[in-house]
PDB file of N, CA and C in Angstrom:
ATOM      1  N   MET A   1      -2.859 -31.404   0.225  1.00  0.00           N
ATOM      2  CA  MET A   1      -1.889 -31.550   1.152  1.00  0.00           C
ATOM      3  C   MET A   1      -0.747 -30.515   1.601  1.00  0.00           C
ATOM      4  N   ASN A   2      -1.212 -30.472   2.787  1.00  0.00           N
ATOM      5  CA  ASN A   2       0.537 -29.325   3.629  1.00  0.00           C
ATOM      6  C   ASN A   2       1.203 -30.103   3.454  1.00  0.00           C
ATOM      7  N   THR A   3       2.618 -28.964   3.992  1.00  0.00           N
ATOM      8  CA  THR A   3       3.837 -29.000   3.845  1.00  0.00           C
ATOM      9  C   THR A   3       4.435 -28.458   5.178  1.00  0.00           C
ATOM     10  N   THR A   4       5.314 -28.164   6.119  1.00  0.00           N
ATOM     11  CA  THR A   4       5.964 -27.476   6.515  1.00  0.00           C
ATOM     12  C   THR A   4       6.892 -27.052   6.225  1.00  0.00           C
ATOM     13  N   ILE A   5       7.085 -25.427   6.542  1.00  0.00           N
ATOM     14  CA  ILE A   5       7.999 -24.811   6.595  1.00  0.00           C
ATOM     15  C   ILE A   5       8.750 -23.622   7.669  1.00  0.00           C
ATOM     16  N   SER A   6      10.136 -23.880   7.510  1.00  0.00           N
ATOM     17  CA  SER A   6      10.105 -22.928   8.781  1.00  0.00           C
ATOM     18  C   SER A   6      10.454 -21.896   8.329  1.00  0.00           C
ATOM     19  N   ILE A   7      10.362 -20.662   9.160  1.00  0.00           N
ATOM     20  CA  ILE A   7      10.267 -19.477   8.942  1.00  0.00           C
ATOM     21  C   ILE A   7      11.149 -18.821  10.280  1.00  0.00           C
ATOM     22  N   SER A   8      11.419 -17.962  10.121  1.00  0.00           N
ATOM     23  CA  SER A   8      12.022 -17.320  12.083  1.00  0.00           C
ATOM     24  C   SER A   8      10.676 -16.586  12.684  1.00  0.00           C
ATOM     25  N   LYS A   9      10.796 -16.420  13.599  1.00  0.00           N
ATOM     26  CA  LYS A   9      10.102 -15.893  15.088  1.00  0.00           C
ATOM     27  C   LYS A   9       9.333 -14.255  14.296  1.00  0.00           C
ATOM     28  N   GLU A  10      10.519 -13.690  13.792  1.00  0.00           N
ATOM     29  CA  GLU A  10      10.130 -12.343  13.302  1.00  0.00           C
ATOM     30  C   GLU A  10       8.982 -12.490  12.309  1.00  0.00           C
ATOM     31  N   THR A  11       9.702 -13.249  11.236  1.00  0.00           N
ATOM     32  CA  THR A  11       8.863 -13.143   9.743  1.00  0.00           C
ATOM     33  C   THR A  11       7.281 -14.134  10.740  1.00  0.00           C
ATOM     34  N   ARG A  12       7.105 -15.401  11.171  1.00  0.00           N
ATOM     35  CA  ARG A  12       5.760 -15.291  12.161  1.00  0.00           C
ATOM     36  C   ARG A  12       5.080 -14.121  12.308  1.00  0.00           C
ATOM     37  N   ASN A  13       6.018 -13.025  13.284  1.00  0.00           N
ATOM     38  CA  ASN A  13       5.355 -12.316  14.099  1.00  0.00           C
ATOM     39  C   ASN A  13       4.754 -11.018  12.518  1.00  0.00           C
ATOM     40  N   LEU A  14       5.994 -11.014  11.647  1.00  0.00           N
ATOM     41  CA  LEU A  14       5.515  -9.793  11.145  1.00  0.00           C
ATOM     42  C   LEU A  14       4.206 -10.897   9.894  1.00  0.00           C
ATOM     43  N   LEU A  15       3.793 -12.369   9.431  1.00  0.00           N
ATOM     44  CA  LEU A  15       2.471 -12.789   8.790  1.00  0.00           C
ATOM     45  C   LEU A  15       1.466 -12.557   9.720  1.00  0.00           C
ATOM     46  N   GLN A  16       1.868 -12.786  11.274  1.00  0.00           N
ATOM     47  CA  GLN A  16       0.285 -12.344  12.355  1.00  0.00           C
ATOM     48  C   GLN A  16      -0.088 -10.813  11.979  1.00  0.00           C
ATOM     49  N   GLU A  17       0.526 -10.328  12.076  1.00  0.00           N
ATOM     50  CA  GLU A  17       0.500  -8.165  12.034  1.00  0.00           C
ATOM     51  C   GLU A  17      -0.371  -8.504  10.427  1.00  0.00           C
ATOM     52  N   PHE A  18       0.063  -8.656   9.227  1.00  0.00           N
ATOM     53  CA  PHE A  18      -0.159  -9.131   8.135  1.00  0.00           C
ATOM     54  C   PHE A  18      -1.582  -9.196   8.260  1.00  0.00           C
ATOM     55  N   GLY A  19      -1.712 -10.500   8.611  1.00  0.00           N
ATOM     56  CA  GLY A  19      -2.847 -11.296   9.042  1.00  0.00           C
ATOM     57  C   GLY A  19      -4.547 -10.432   9.975  1.00  0.00           C
ATOM     58  N   LYS A  20      -5.282 -11.649   9.005  1.00  0.00           N
ATOM     59  CA  LYS A  20      -6.516 -10.936   9.892  1.00  0.00           C
ATOM     60  C   LYS A  20      -7.151 -12.128  10.721  1.00  0.00           C
ATOM     61  N   LYS A  21      -7.672 -11.582  12.026  1.00  0.00           N
ATOM     62  CA  LYS A  21      -7.965 -12.707  13.016  1.00  0.00           C
ATOM     63  C   LYS A  21      -8.280 -14.049  12.375  1.00  0.00           C
ATOM     64  N   SER A  22      -9.124 -14.126  11.090  1.00  0.00           N
ATOM     65  CA  SER A  22      -9.778 -14.868  11.054  1.00  0.00           C
ATOM     66  C   SER A  22      -9.068 -15.724   9.843  1.00  0.00           C
ATOM     67  N   GLU A  23      -7.475 -15.456   9.605  1.00  0.00           N
ATOM     68  CA  GLU A  23      -6.938 -15.878   8.320  1.00  0.00           C
ATOM     69  C   GLU A  23      -6.384 -16.867   9.314  1.00  0.00           C
ATOM     70  N   ASN A  24      -5.307 -18.061   8.574  1.00  0.00           N
ATOM     71  CA  ASN A  24      -4.640 -19.025   8.767  1.00  0.00           C
ATOM     72  C   ASN A  24      -3.753 -18.115   8.068  1.00  0.00           C
ATOM     73  N   TYR A  25      -1.754 -18.849   8.234  1.00  0.00           N
ATOM     74  CA  TYR A  25      -0.803 -18.306   7.573  1.00  0.00           C
ATOM     75  C   TYR A  25      -1.129 -18.717   6.139  1.00  0.00           C
ATOM     76  N   ASP A  26      -1.476 -19.777   5.367  1.00  0.00           N
ATOM     77  CA  ASP A  26      -1.562 -20.098   3.821  1.00  0.00           C
ATOM     78  C   ASP A  26      -2.336 -19.063   3.835  1.00  0.00           C
ATOM     79  N   ASP A  27      -3.463 -18.769   4.014  1.00  0.00           N
ATOM     80  CA  ASP A  27      -4.384 -17.111   3.687  1.00  0.00           C
ATOM     81  C   ASP A  27      -3.485 -16.322   3.586  1.00  0.00           C
ATOM     82  N   VAL A  28      -2.765 -16.240   4.908  1.00  0.00           N
ATOM     83  CA  VAL A  28      -1.906 -14.655   4.635  1.00  0.00           C
ATOM     84  C   VAL A  28      -1.593 -14.389   3.414  1.00  0.00           C
ATOM     85  N   ILE A  29      -0.526 -15.948   3.145  1.00  0.00           N
ATOM     86  CA  ILE A  29       0.807 -15.724   2.183  1.00  0.00           C
ATOM     87  C   ILE A  29      -0.414 -15.695   0.976  1.00  0.00           C
ATOM     88  N   LYS A  30      -0.794 -15.840   0.738  1.00  0.00           N
ATOM     89  CA  LYS A  30      -2.094 -16.264  -0.642  1.00  0.00           C
ATOM     90  C   LYS A  30      -2.571 -14.827  -1.514  1.00  0.00           C
ATOM     91  N   ARG A  31      -2.814 -13.761   0.260  1.00  0.00           N
ATOM     92  CA  ARG A  31      -3.246 -12.817  -0.290  1.00  0.00           C
ATOM     93  C   ARG A  31      -1.950 -11.577   0.104  1.00  0.00           C
ATOM     94  N   MET A  32      -1.046 -12.521   0.568  1.00  0.00           N
ATOM     95  CA  MET A  32       0.053 -11.273  -0.325  1.00  0.00           C
ATOM     96  C   MET A  32       0.216 -11.679  -1.277  1.00  0.00           C
ATOM     97  N   HIS A  33       0.806 -12.377  -1.982  1.00  0.00           N
ATOM     98  CA  HIS A  33       0.907 -13.185  -2.909  1.00  0.00           C
ATOM     99  C   HIS A  33       0.349 -12.666  -4.063  1.00  0.00           C
ATOM    100  N   ASN A  34      -1.295 -12.198  -4.299  1.00  0.00           N
ATOM    101  CA  ASN A  34      -2.763 -11.440  -4.592  1.00  0.00           C
ATOM    102  C   ASN A  34      -2.031 -10.205  -4.809  1.00  0.00           C
ATOM    103  N   THR A  35      -1.806  -9.942  -3.517  1.00  0.00           N
ATOM    104  CA  THR A  35      -1.561  -8.424  -3.527  1.00  0.00           C
ATOM    105  C   THR A  35       0.162  -7.872  -4.891  1.00  0.00           C
ATOM    106  N   ILE A  36       0.985  -8.442  -4.853  1.00  0.00           N
ATOM    107  CA  ILE A  36       1.853  -8.587  -5.070  1.00  0.00           C
ATOM    108  C   ILE A  36       1.930  -8.773  -6.726  1.00  0.00           C
ATOM    109  N   GLN A  37       0.941  -9.707  -6.631  1.00  0.00           N
ATOM    110  CA  GLN A  37       1.117 -10.060  -8.440  1.00  0.00           C
ATOM    111  C   GLN A  37      -0.311  -8.795  -9.523  1.00  0.00           C
ATOM    112  N   MET A  38      -1.218  -8.342  -8.512  1.00  0.00           N
ATOM    113  CA  MET A  38      -1.889  -6.900  -8.141  1.00  0.00           C
ATOM    114  C   MET A  38      -0.798  -5.662  -9.018  1.00  0.00           C
ATOM    115  N   SER A  39      -0.083  -6.031  -7.787  1.00  0.00           N
ATOM    116  CA  SER A  39       0.715  -4.734  -7.833  1.00  0.00           C
ATOM    117  C   SER A  39       1.264  -4.393  -9.421  1.00  0.00           C
ATOM    118  N   GLN A  40       2.405  -5.525  -9.358  1.00  0.00           N
ATOM    119  CA  GLN A  40       3.016  -5.986 -10.782  1.00  0.00           C
ATOM    120  C   GLN A  40       2.446  -5.697 -11.953  1.00  0.00           C
ATOM    121  N   MET A  41       0.659  -6.022 -12.046  1.00  0.00           N
ATOM    122  CA  MET A  41       0.179  -5.845 -12.816  1.00  0.00           C
ATOM    123  C   MET A  41      -0.080  -4.530 -13.488  1.00  0.00           C
ATOM    124  N   LEU A  42      -0.560  -3.979 -12.460  1.00  0.00           N
ATOM    125  CA  LEU A  42      -1.249  -2.252 -12.348  1.00  0.00           C
ATOM    126  C   LEU A  42       0.512  -1.354 -13.091  1.00  0.00           C
ATOM    127  N   ARG A  43       1.556  -2.132 -12.199  1.00  0.00           N
ATOM    128  CA  ARG A  43       2.903  -1.722 -12.429  1.00  0.00           C
ATOM    129  C   ARG A  43       3.089  -1.375 -13.998  1.00  0.00           C
ATOM    130  N   ASP A  44       3.058  -2.746 -14.424  1.00  0.00           N
ATOM    131  CA  ASP A  44       2.991  -2.935 -15.802  1.00  0.00           C
ATOM    132  C   ASP A  44       1.983  -2.499 -17.005  1.00  0.00           C
ATOM    133  N   PHE A  45       0.769  -2.210 -15.991  1.00  0.00           N
ATOM    134  CA  PHE A  45       0.236  -1.406 -17.347  1.00  0.00           C
ATOM    135  C   PHE A  45      -0.122   0.183 -17.214  1.00  0.00           C
ATOM    136  N   VAL A  46       0.737   0.105 -16.019  1.00  0.00           N
ATOM    137  CA  VAL A  46       0.159   1.710 -16.581  1.00  0.00           C
ATOM    138  C   VAL A  46       2.408   2.459 -16.387  1.00  0.00           C
ATOM    139  N   ASN A  47       2.970   1.488 -17.053  1.00  0.00           N
ATOM    140  CA  ASN A  47       4.432   2.059 -17.829  1.00  0.00           C
ATOM    141  C   ASN A  47       4.221   3.229 -19.010  1.00  0.00           C
ATOM    142  N   PRO A  48       5.002   3.797 -17.861  1.00  0.00           N
ATOM    143  CA  PRO A  48       4.759   5.506 -18.699  1.00  0.00           C
ATOM    144  C   PRO A  48       5.956   5.465 -19.820  1.00  0.00           C
ATOM    145  N   ASP A  49       6.440   4.079 -20.441  1.00  0.00           N
ATOM    146  CA  ASP A  49       7.559   3.762 -21.349  1.00  0.00           C
ATOM    147  C   ASP A  49       6.165   3.685 -22.502  1.00  0.00           C
ATOM    148  N   GLU A  50       4.992   3.054 -22.294  1.00  0.00           N
ATOM    149  CA  GLU A  50       4.809   2.843 -23.279  1.00  0.00           C
ATOM    150  C   GLU A  50       3.169   3.746 -24.104  1.00  0.00           C
ATOM    151  N   TRP A  51       2.907   5.276 -23.052  1.00  0.00           N
ATOM    152  CA  TRP A  51       2.413   5.632 -23.064  1.00  0.00           C
ATOM    153  C   TRP A  51       2.411   6.540 -24.146  1.00  0.00           C
ATOM    154  N   ILE A  52       0.929   7.048 -24.882  1.00  0.00           N
ATOM    155  CA  ILE A  52       1.789   7.613 -26.074  1.00  0.00           C
ATOM    156  C   ILE A  52       0.770   9.300 -26.215  1.00  0.00           C
ATOM    157  N   SER A  53       0.741  10.364 -26.597  1.00  0.00           N
ATOM    158  CA  SER A  53      -0.016  11.664 -26.318  1.00  0.00           C
ATOM    159  C   SER A  53      -1.221  11.409 -26.820  1.00  0.00           C
ATOM    160  N   ILE A  54      -1.778  12.279 -26.662  1.00  0.00           N
ATOM    161  CA  ILE A  54      -3.058  12.948 -25.932  1.00  0.00           C
ATOM    162  C   ILE A  54      -3.300  12.938 -28.147  1.00  0.00           C
ATOM    163  N   ASP A  55      -2.775  13.361 -28.755  1.00  0.00           N
ATOM    164  CA  ASP A  55      -2.572  13.033 -30.411  1.00  0.00           C
ATOM    165  C   ASP A  55      -2.809  12.220 -30.948  1.00  0.00           C
ATOM    166  N   GLU A  56      -1.924  11.197 -30.738  1.00  0.00           N
ATOM    167  CA  GLU A  56      -1.752  10.180 -31.394  1.00  0.00           C
ATOM    168  C   GLU A  56      -2.425   9.570 -30.652  1.00  0.00           C
ATOM    169  N   ALA A  57      -3.183   9.277 -29.528  1.00  0.00           N
ATOM    170  CA  ALA A  57      -4.346   8.256 -28.974  1.00  0.00           C
ATOM    171  C   ALA A  57      -5.459   8.934 -30.018  1.00  0.00           C
ATOM    172  N   LEU A  58      -5.878  10.496 -30.000  1.00  0.00           N
ATOM    173  CA  LEU A  58      -7.261  10.770 -31.404  1.00  0.00           C
ATOM    174  C   LEU A  58      -6.527  10.127 -32.666  1.00  0.00           C
ATOM    175  N   GLU A  59      -5.361  10.284 -33.165  1.00  0.00           N
ATOM    176  CA  GLU A  59      -5.493   9.586 -34.966  1.00  0.00           C
ATOM    177  C   GLU A  59      -5.820   8.441 -34.573  1.00  0.00           C
ATOM    178  N   TRP A  60      -5.008   7.512 -33.718  1.00  0.00           N
ATOM    179  CA  TRP A  60      -5.299   5.910 -33.652  1.00  0.00           C
ATOM    180  C   TRP A  60      -6.872   5.606 -33.738  1.00  0.00           C
ATOM    181  N   THR A  61      -7.332   6.742 -32.318  1.00  0.00           N
ATOM    182  CA  THR A  61      -8.762   6.260 -32.466  1.00  0.00           C
ATOM    183  C   THR A  61      -9.730   6.437 -34.223  1.00  0.00           C
ATOM    184  N   LYS A  62      -9.264   7.636 -34.385  1.00  0.00           N
ATOM    185  CA  LYS A  62      -9.899   7.986 -35.893  1.00  0.00           C
ATOM    186  C   LYS A  62      -9.967   6.986 -36.880  1.00  0.00           C
ATOM    187  N   LEU A  63      -8.395   6.659 -36.700  1.00  0.00           N
ATOM    188  CA  LEU A  63      -8.037   5.475 -37.859  1.00  0.00           C
ATOM    189  C   LEU A  63      -8.743   3.954 -37.950  1.00  0.00           C
ATOM    190  N   LYS A  64      -9.053   3.625 -36.420  1.00  0.00           N
ATOM    191  CA  LYS A  64      -9.830   2.790 -36.134  1.00  0.00           C
ATOM    192  C   LYS A  64     -10.703   2.734 -36.545  1.00  0.00           C
ATOM    193  N   LEU A  65     -11.477   4.280 -36.036  1.00  0.00           N
ATOM    194  CA  LEU A  65     -12.931   3.874 -36.523  1.00  0.00           C
ATOM    195  C   LEU A  65     -13.254   4.171 -38.400  1.00  0.00           C
ATOM    196  N   GLN A  66     -12.270   4.624 -38.614  1.00  0.00           N
ATOM    197  CA  GLN A  66     -12.400   4.297 -40.376  1.00  0.00           C
ATOM    198  C   GLN A  66     -11.947   3.110 -40.548  1.00  0.00           C
ATOM    199  N   ASN A  67     -11.097   2.215 -40.367  1.00  0.00           N
ATOM    200  CA  ASN A  67     -11.290   0.861 -40.269  1.00  0.00           C
ATOM    201  C   ASN A  67     -12.451  -0.174 -40.274  1.00  0.00           C
ATOM    202  N   ASP A  68     -12.895   0.133 -39.508  1.00  0.00           N
ATOM    203  CA  ASP A  68     -14.192  -0.271 -39.163  1.00  0.00           C
ATOM    204  C   ASP A  68     -15.495  -0.285 -39.660  1.00  0.00           C
ATOM    205  N   LYS A  69     -15.714   0.845 -40.222  1.00  0.00           N
ATOM    206  CA  LYS A  69     -16.539   1.711 -41.036  1.00  0.00           C
ATOM    207  C   LYS A  69     -16.902   0.765 -42.218  1.00  0.00           C
ATOM    208  N   ASN A  70     -15.069   0.851 -42.731  1.00  0.00           N
ATOM    209  CA  ASN A  70     -14.951   0.677 -43.812  1.00  0.00           C
ATOM    210  C   ASN A  70     -14.968  -1.573 -44.120  1.00  0.00           C
ATOM    211  N   SER A  71     -14.619  -1.836 -42.954  1.00  0.00           N
ATOM    212  CA  SER A  71     -14.646  -3.270 -42.895  1.00  0.00           C
ATOM    213  C   SER A  71     -16.311  -3.537 -42.342  1.00  0.00           C
ATOM    214  N   HIS A  72     -16.922  -3.127 -42.401  1.00  0.00           N
ATOM    215  CA  HIS A  72     -18.626  -2.705 -42.017  1.00  0.00           C
ATOM    216  C   HIS A  72     -19.597  -3.339 -43.117  1.00  0.00           C
ATOM    217  N   ASN A  73     -19.112  -2.083 -44.103  1.00  0.00           N
ATOM    218  CA  ASN A  73     -18.982  -1.305 -45.470  1.00  0.00           C
ATOM    219  C   ASN A  73     -19.158  -2.994 -46.721  1.00  0.00           C
ATOM    220  N   LYS A  74     -17.457  -3.102 -46.234  1.00  0.00           N
ATOM    221  CA  LYS A  74     -17.713  -4.471 -46.818  1.00  0.00           C
ATOM    222  C   LYS A  74     -18.201  -5.540 -47.121  1.00  0.00           C
ATOM    223  N   ARG A  75     -18.448  -5.772 -45.308  1.00  0.00           N
ATOM    224  CA  ARG A  75     -19.792  -6.817 -45.209  1.00  0.00           C
ATOM    225  C   ARG A  75     -20.780  -6.635 -45.498  1.00  0.00           C
ATOM    226  N   ALA A  76     -21.586  -5.396 -45.374  1.00  0.00           N
ATOM    227  CA  ALA A  76     -22.849  -5.399 -46.187  1.00  0.00           C
ATOM    228  C   ALA A  76     -22.607  -5.376 -47.586  1.00  0.00           C
ATOM    229  N   LYS A  77     -21.572  -5.563 -48.141  1.00  0.00           N
ATOM    230  CA  LYS A  77     -22.304  -5.144 -49.863  1.00  0.00           C
ATOM    231  C   LYS A  77     -22.104  -7.226 -50.656  1.00  0.00           C
ATOM    232  N   LYS A  78     -21.335  -7.532 -49.482  1.00  0.00           N
ATOM    233  CA  LYS A  78     -21.250  -8.920 -49.691  1.00  0.00           C
ATOM    234  C   LYS A  78     -22.996  -9.425 -49.709  1.00  0.00           C
TER     235      LYS A  78
END
């Protein structure tokens, strides 16, 4: 189902500049949306507030491997 939206000529021109020859406006807007969504996900993924130091990462990995080994040994004894 299609719908019509009103945009200025300036916005139309921007969409034309951003679009590829084979794309219609619907394709351009969807691609823009996907690009923005990916940028937001990437920004959230690389949030420096949630980074940990190398030492913390090594300690976490060491504990994770130890816990995995203990879990494996418990299952093997059953």
